[in-house]
Amino acid sequence: MKKILAFTLKELLIITRDRTALLLMIAAPLALTLVMSFAFSRVNTGGLSQINVVIVNDDDGAPSTSTGQSLGQAFVDLMQSDALKELVKPALADDADAARKRVDDGEAAAAVILPAGLTERVTSGKGDPAADPARIEVYGDPGRPVSAGVIRSIVERFAQQVAAGTLGAQVTITQLIQSGRIQITEAAAVGAEIGQRVAVESVDRQLVTVKSIVGGGKSQSNFNFLQYYAPSLAILFLMFAMASSARTLLAERETGTLARLRSTPTQSWELMGGKVAGVLATGLLQMVVLIVATSLFMGVK
C-alpha cells in the first residue's frame, strides 16, 4: 500500500510541476467557460419572454350584450392580461400593412389581424362557417419560428374557446325552442345575444399559464449560461487530463523508467495500482479546483 501511495504522489507531483498540464486542466476550461457564456448570453433560448406582437383590431362590431365587449377587444384584453405579461409584449396598430411591415423589419415576431365584423360573423350564425369562415390572420416572422409559433398557438386556443362558446349557444337555442320558451322567429335575436355573451365570457377564462420550475420547486426566470458551460467544459477537459495522465505509462516505457521500476521488488499490481490511483487523484484534484473556482469567482452553483 505504501508503494501505491508513493506512485500516486509521484503522479500528482509530475502534473503540478508541468505548467502545460496545469493550463490544460485548469486555465483552459475556465477561460472557455467565460468565452462561451459571454458569446451565447444574448441568444434567445427555450426560456421565451416578452415576445413582441402587433395586434390590429378591425372588429368594429357593436356589442349588445351586458359584457359590452366584442371578440376583438376580448382578444386584446387577453394579450394584455396579467397571465401573459411575462410571455408577450403586445402593441396595437391601426393598419394591417403597417403591422406586417413591422414584422418584416424584425420589430415584432408576429402580427395578429382581427377582421372587421368578427363578432357579428361568429355570433349571428349567418352564412356557412365551413365554406366562408371568419379568419384571424397571424403574420409571423420566418426567422423567429418559435416565438411566432407561440403567438399562433394562443390565437388558435382563442378561436377554439370562441367556437366552443358559440356551439354551446346553438345547443341552448335548440333546447329553448324545443321547450317552447322562445319562438322560432326569436331564435336569431336570442341566439346572437347568447352566442356573443358565451363567446366573450369563454375568452375571459385563463388560456395560458406561464410557469418555470427548476429543481427544488423554485422558479427561475433567466437561464444562467455559466451553470451549463462550467460543468460541461469541466467534464470535457477531465477527459483530456485522464488521457494525458494515462499516457505517462507509455512515456515511461519509452524512456526506460518503467523497466527500471519493474527490476525492483515492486510488484506489477502495485505499479499499475499506483498508476490508476494517480490518474484518479489527478482527475479528482482537477474537478475540485474547477468547482471551487467557478463557485467562488463565477457564482456557479
Protein backbone atom coordinates (compact mmCIF):
# COMPACT_ATOMS: atom_id res chain seq x y z
CA MET A 1 0.00 0.00 0.00
CA LYS A 2 2.89 2.37 0.76
CA LYS A 3 4.25 1.82 -2.72
CA ILE A 4 0.86 2.57 -4.28
CA LEU A 5 0.64 5.81 -2.30
CA ALA A 6 4.17 6.69 -3.38
CA PHE A 7 3.32 6.16 -7.04
CA THR A 8 0.15 8.22 -6.60
CA LEU A 9 2.06 11.15 -5.08
CA LYS A 10 4.64 10.87 -7.87
CA GLU A 11 1.90 11.27 -10.49
CA LEU A 12 0.48 14.30 -8.70
CA LEU A 13 3.92 15.91 -8.45
CA ILE A 14 4.51 15.38 -12.16
CA ILE A 15 1.22 17.09 -13.00
CA THR A 16 1.62 20.02 -10.61
CA ARG A 17 5.14 20.75 -11.89
CA ASP A 18 4.03 20.69 -15.54
CA ARG A 19 2.77 24.15 -16.50
CA THR A 20 1.36 22.92 -19.79
CA ALA A 21 -0.66 20.26 -18.00
CA LEU A 22 -1.98 22.79 -15.50
CA LEU A 23 -3.07 25.11 -18.30
CA LEU A 24 -4.91 22.25 -19.97
CA MET A 25 -6.56 21.09 -16.77
CA ILE A 26 -7.44 24.38 -15.04
CA ALA A 27 -6.96 27.53 -17.12
CA ALA A 28 -8.40 26.26 -20.41
CA PRO A 29 -11.80 25.13 -19.08
CA LEU A 30 -12.19 28.32 -17.01
CA ALA A 31 -11.32 30.53 -19.98
CA LEU A 32 -13.59 28.67 -22.40
CA THR A 33 -16.44 28.74 -19.87
CA LEU A 34 -16.27 32.54 -19.77
CA VAL A 35 -15.93 32.84 -23.56
CA MET A 36 -18.89 30.53 -24.30
CA SER A 37 -21.04 32.19 -21.67
CA PHE A 38 -20.37 35.70 -22.99
CA ALA A 39 -20.83 34.56 -26.60
CA PHE A 40 -24.25 32.97 -26.08
CA SER A 41 -25.64 35.02 -23.19
CA ARG A 42 -27.72 37.13 -25.61
CA VAL A 43 -29.13 34.21 -27.55
CA ASN A 44 -32.87 33.69 -27.12
CA THR A 45 -33.35 30.14 -25.77
CA GLY A 46 -36.13 27.99 -24.59
CA GLY A 47 -36.98 30.50 -21.89
CA LEU A 48 -39.23 32.67 -24.03
CA SER A 49 -40.25 36.01 -22.62
CA GLN A 50 -41.62 39.31 -23.87
CA ILE A 51 -42.44 38.23 -27.41
CA ASN A 52 -43.21 41.36 -29.40
CA VAL A 53 -46.55 41.06 -31.18
CA VAL A 54 -48.55 43.67 -33.10
CA ILE A 55 -52.35 43.49 -32.90
CA VAL A 56 -54.70 45.09 -35.42
CA ASN A 57 -58.26 45.04 -34.13
CA ASP A 58 -60.63 45.79 -37.03
CA ASP A 59 -63.54 44.10 -35.26
CA ASP A 60 -65.80 47.13 -35.05
CA GLY A 61 -68.98 45.20 -34.24
CA ALA A 62 -71.26 46.96 -31.80
CA PRO A 63 -71.70 44.58 -28.86
CA SER A 64 -75.23 44.49 -27.48
CA THR A 65 -74.69 42.21 -24.50
CA SER A 66 -74.14 43.09 -20.90
CA THR A 67 -70.42 42.45 -21.33
CA GLY A 68 -70.17 45.44 -23.66
CA GLN A 69 -67.22 43.80 -25.40
CA SER A 70 -66.51 42.48 -28.87
CA LEU A 71 -64.44 39.41 -29.60
CA GLY A 72 -61.66 41.60 -30.99
CA GLN A 73 -61.48 43.58 -27.76
CA ALA A 74 -61.64 40.34 -25.77
CA PHE A 75 -58.54 39.10 -27.61
CA VAL A 76 -56.72 42.40 -27.00
CA ASP A 77 -57.58 42.17 -23.29
CA LEU A 78 -56.32 38.59 -23.24
CA MET A 79 -52.94 39.56 -24.72
CA GLN A 80 -52.65 42.44 -22.24
CA SER A 81 -53.71 40.34 -19.25
CA ASP A 82 -51.51 39.56 -16.27
CA ALA A 83 -51.50 35.87 -17.27
CA LEU A 84 -49.46 36.67 -20.40
CA LYS A 85 -47.49 39.74 -19.34
CA GLU A 86 -44.29 37.72 -18.86
CA LEU A 87 -44.69 35.94 -22.20
CA VAL A 88 -45.86 38.55 -24.72
CA LYS A 89 -45.40 42.26 -25.24
CA PRO A 90 -48.39 43.40 -27.32
CA ALA A 91 -48.60 46.64 -29.28
CA LEU A 92 -51.69 47.97 -31.03
CA ALA A 93 -51.75 49.20 -34.62
CA ASP A 94 -54.47 50.62 -36.84
CA ASP A 95 -53.22 49.41 -40.21
CA ALA A 96 -52.66 45.78 -41.21
CA ASP A 97 -49.97 46.60 -43.78
CA ALA A 98 -48.04 48.65 -41.21
CA ALA A 99 -48.23 45.74 -38.78
CA ARG A 100 -46.90 43.32 -41.38
CA LYS A 101 -44.08 45.73 -42.17
CA ARG A 102 -43.06 45.82 -38.52
CA VAL A 103 -42.76 42.04 -38.64
CA ASP A 104 -40.72 42.21 -41.86
CA ASP A 105 -38.41 44.78 -40.26
CA GLY A 106 -37.81 42.50 -37.27
CA GLU A 107 -39.58 44.72 -34.76
CA ALA A 108 -42.09 42.00 -33.86
CA ALA A 109 -42.25 38.23 -34.04
CA ALA A 110 -45.81 38.19 -35.33
CA ALA A 111 -48.80 40.34 -36.20
CA VAL A 112 -52.36 39.33 -35.37
CA ILE A 113 -55.05 40.91 -37.57
CA LEU A 114 -58.64 40.59 -36.36
CA PRO A 115 -61.02 41.12 -39.31
CA ALA A 116 -63.88 43.56 -39.39
CA GLY A 117 -67.22 42.14 -38.30
CA LEU A 118 -65.62 39.21 -36.48
CA THR A 119 -68.06 39.31 -33.58
CA GLU A 120 -71.10 39.55 -35.84
CA ARG A 121 -69.87 36.73 -38.11
CA VAL A 122 -69.23 34.38 -35.21
CA THR A 123 -72.30 35.06 -33.08
CA SER A 124 -75.01 35.71 -35.68
CA GLY A 125 -74.90 32.26 -37.22
CA LYS A 126 -75.31 33.71 -40.70
CA GLY A 127 -73.67 32.07 -43.67
CA ASP A 128 -71.81 28.78 -43.84
CA PRO A 129 -68.84 28.80 -41.44
CA ALA A 130 -67.25 25.84 -43.22
CA ALA A 131 -67.38 27.48 -46.64
CA ASP A 132 -66.68 31.05 -45.56
CA PRO A 133 -65.19 31.12 -42.05
CA ALA A 134 -64.19 34.24 -40.16
CA ARG A 135 -60.42 34.26 -40.37
CA ILE A 136 -57.93 35.74 -37.91
CA GLU A 137 -54.63 36.34 -39.66
CA VAL A 138 -51.33 35.57 -37.94
CA TYR A 139 -48.42 37.06 -39.88
CA GLY A 140 -45.23 35.52 -38.48
CA ASP A 141 -41.53 36.17 -38.89
CA PRO A 142 -39.96 33.07 -40.55
CA GLY A 143 -36.67 33.91 -38.83
CA ARG A 144 -38.31 33.52 -35.40
CA PRO A 145 -40.40 30.38 -35.78
CA VAL A 146 -40.61 29.56 -32.08
CA SER A 147 -41.86 32.98 -31.00
CA ALA A 148 -44.28 33.18 -33.94
CA GLY A 149 -45.48 29.67 -33.14
CA VAL A 150 -46.29 30.69 -29.57
CA ILE A 151 -48.44 33.57 -30.81
CA ARG A 152 -50.13 31.27 -33.33
CA SER A 153 -50.91 28.77 -30.56
CA ILE A 154 -52.51 31.48 -28.43
CA VAL A 155 -54.68 32.60 -31.36
CA GLU A 156 -55.71 29.01 -32.10
CA ARG A 157 -56.66 28.46 -28.47
CA PHE A 158 -58.64 31.70 -28.55
CA ALA A 159 -60.51 30.51 -31.66
CA GLN A 160 -61.23 27.15 -30.03
CA GLN A 161 -62.70 28.83 -26.98
CA VAL A 162 -64.89 31.04 -29.15
CA ALA A 163 -66.05 28.05 -31.22
CA ALA A 164 -66.89 26.14 -28.06
CA GLY A 165 -68.88 29.09 -26.76
CA THR A 166 -70.89 29.56 -29.94
CA LEU A 167 -71.59 25.84 -30.19
CA GLY A 168 -72.89 25.93 -26.64
CA ALA A 169 -75.14 28.84 -27.60
CA GLN A 170 -76.57 26.90 -30.54
CA VAL A 171 -77.39 23.96 -28.31
CA THR A 172 -79.04 26.32 -25.84
CA ILE A 173 -81.21 27.90 -28.54
CA THR A 174 -82.29 24.47 -29.76
CA GLN A 175 -83.31 23.46 -26.25
CA LEU A 176 -85.21 26.73 -25.71
CA ILE A 177 -87.18 26.25 -28.94
CA GLN A 178 -87.99 22.63 -28.13
CA SER A 179 -89.15 23.55 -24.65
CA GLY A 180 -91.38 26.30 -26.04
CA ARG A 181 -89.72 29.11 -24.10
CA ILE A 182 -88.95 31.06 -27.26
CA GLN A 183 -90.42 31.12 -30.73
CA ILE A 184 -88.55 30.23 -33.89
CA THR A 185 -88.86 33.83 -35.02
CA GLU A 186 -86.98 34.91 -31.89
CA ALA A 187 -84.17 32.40 -32.35
CA ALA A 188 -81.92 34.69 -34.41
CA ALA A 189 -82.00 37.61 -31.95
CA VAL A 190 -81.70 35.44 -28.84
CA GLY A 191 -79.02 33.31 -30.47
CA ALA A 192 -76.91 36.35 -31.30
CA GLU A 193 -77.31 37.61 -27.75
CA ILE A 194 -76.40 34.31 -26.11
CA GLY A 195 -73.70 33.46 -28.64
CA GLN A 196 -71.84 36.72 -28.14
CA ARG A 197 -72.14 36.56 -24.38
CA VAL A 198 -70.94 32.96 -24.15
CA ALA A 199 -68.16 33.51 -26.67
CA VAL A 200 -66.81 36.57 -24.91
CA GLU A 201 -67.13 35.08 -21.44
CA SER A 202 -65.36 31.91 -22.55
CA VAL A 203 -62.39 34.02 -23.67
CA ASP A 204 -62.19 35.57 -20.21
CA ARG A 205 -61.02 32.23 -18.88
CA GLN A 206 -57.30 31.87 -18.38
CA LEU A 207 -55.96 30.35 -21.61
CA VAL A 208 -52.24 30.22 -20.91
CA THR A 209 -50.29 29.96 -17.67
CA VAL A 210 -46.55 30.65 -17.75
CA LYS A 211 -44.64 28.84 -15.04
CA SER A 212 -40.96 27.94 -14.90
CA ILE A 213 -39.90 25.33 -12.35
CA VAL A 214 -36.40 24.13 -11.54
CA GLY A 215 -35.16 21.58 -9.05
CA GLY A 216 -36.38 22.12 -5.52
CA GLY A 217 -39.58 23.81 -6.66
CA LYS A 218 -38.02 27.25 -7.04
CA SER A 219 -38.94 29.41 -10.02
CA GLN A 220 -36.26 30.72 -12.31
CA SER A 221 -36.87 33.39 -14.92
CA ASN A 222 -33.41 33.76 -16.51
CA PHE A 223 -31.16 30.99 -17.74
CA ASN A 224 -27.59 31.18 -16.46
CA PHE A 225 -25.21 30.02 -19.19
CA LEU A 226 -22.39 29.55 -16.67
CA GLN A 227 -24.49 26.87 -14.97
CA TYR A 228 -24.42 24.96 -18.25
CA TYR A 229 -20.94 25.57 -19.65
CA ALA A 230 -18.93 25.31 -16.42
CA PRO A 231 -19.72 21.64 -15.66
CA SER A 232 -19.83 20.72 -19.36
CA LEU A 233 -16.34 22.01 -20.10
CA ALA A 234 -15.01 20.66 -16.80
CA ILE A 235 -16.08 17.18 -17.86
CA LEU A 236 -14.70 17.69 -21.38
CA PHE A 237 -11.26 18.68 -20.11
CA LEU A 238 -11.39 15.94 -17.49
CA MET A 239 -11.30 13.52 -20.41
CA PHE A 240 -8.18 15.22 -21.80
CA ALA A 241 -6.48 15.19 -18.41
CA MET A 242 -7.23 11.50 -17.87
CA ALA A 243 -5.90 10.60 -21.31
CA SER A 244 -2.75 12.67 -20.74
CA SER A 245 -2.11 11.06 -17.36
CA ALA A 246 -2.63 7.58 -18.74
CA ARG A 247 -0.10 8.24 -21.49
CA THR A 248 2.62 8.69 -18.88
CA LEU A 249 2.77 4.89 -18.64
CA LEU A 250 3.73 4.71 -22.31
CA ALA A 251 6.20 7.56 -21.88
CA GLU A 252 7.93 5.76 -19.01
CA ARG A 253 8.18 2.62 -21.10
CA GLU A 254 9.81 4.53 -23.96
CA THR A 255 12.30 6.28 -21.67
CA GLY A 256 13.19 3.07 -19.82
CA THR A 257 11.84 4.23 -16.47
CA LEU A 258 9.21 1.50 -16.44
CA ALA A 259 11.82 -1.21 -16.99
CA ARG A 260 13.89 0.08 -14.07
CA LEU A 261 10.81 0.13 -11.83
CA ARG A 262 9.99 -3.45 -12.76
CA SER A 263 13.54 -4.52 -11.89
CA THR A 264 12.90 -3.51 -8.27
CA PRO A 265 10.99 -5.66 -5.77
CA THR A 266 7.85 -3.72 -6.73
CA GLN A 267 5.03 -5.98 -7.87
CA SER A 268 3.26 -5.32 -11.19
CA TRP A 269 -0.11 -4.86 -9.45
CA GLU A 270 1.45 -2.26 -7.16
CA LEU A 271 2.84 -0.39 -10.13
CA MET A 272 -0.46 -0.47 -12.02
CA GLY A 273 -2.43 0.31 -8.86
CA GLY A 274 -0.29 3.36 -8.23
CA LYS A 275 -0.73 4.50 -11.83
CA VAL A 276 -4.51 4.10 -11.73
CA ALA A 277 -4.75 5.81 -8.33
CA GLY A 278 -2.57 8.63 -9.64
CA VAL A 279 -4.81 9.16 -12.66
CA LEU A 280 -7.94 9.16 -10.48
CA ALA A 281 -6.36 11.53 -7.98
CA THR A 282 -5.36 13.88 -10.80
CA GLY A 283 -8.90 13.97 -12.13
CA LEU A 284 -10.36 14.46 -8.65
CA LEU A 285 -7.95 17.32 -7.96
CA GLN A 286 -8.85 18.95 -11.28
CA MET A 287 -12.59 18.77 -10.62
CA VAL A 288 -12.24 20.08 -7.07
CA VAL A 289 -10.22 23.07 -8.25
CA LEU A 290 -12.70 23.83 -11.06
CA ILE A 291 -15.73 23.51 -8.79
CA VAL A 292 -14.21 25.79 -6.15
CA ALA A 293 -13.02 28.34 -8.74
CA THR A 294 -16.33 28.55 -10.62
CA SER A 295 -18.29 28.71 -7.36
CA LEU A 296 -16.20 31.47 -5.80
CA PHE A 297 -15.43 33.62 -8.85
CA MET A 298 -18.31 32.89 -11.25
CA GLY A 299 -21.19 32.22 -8.88
CA VAL A 300 -21.95 28.78 -10.34
CA LYS A 301 -23.98 26.57 -8.06
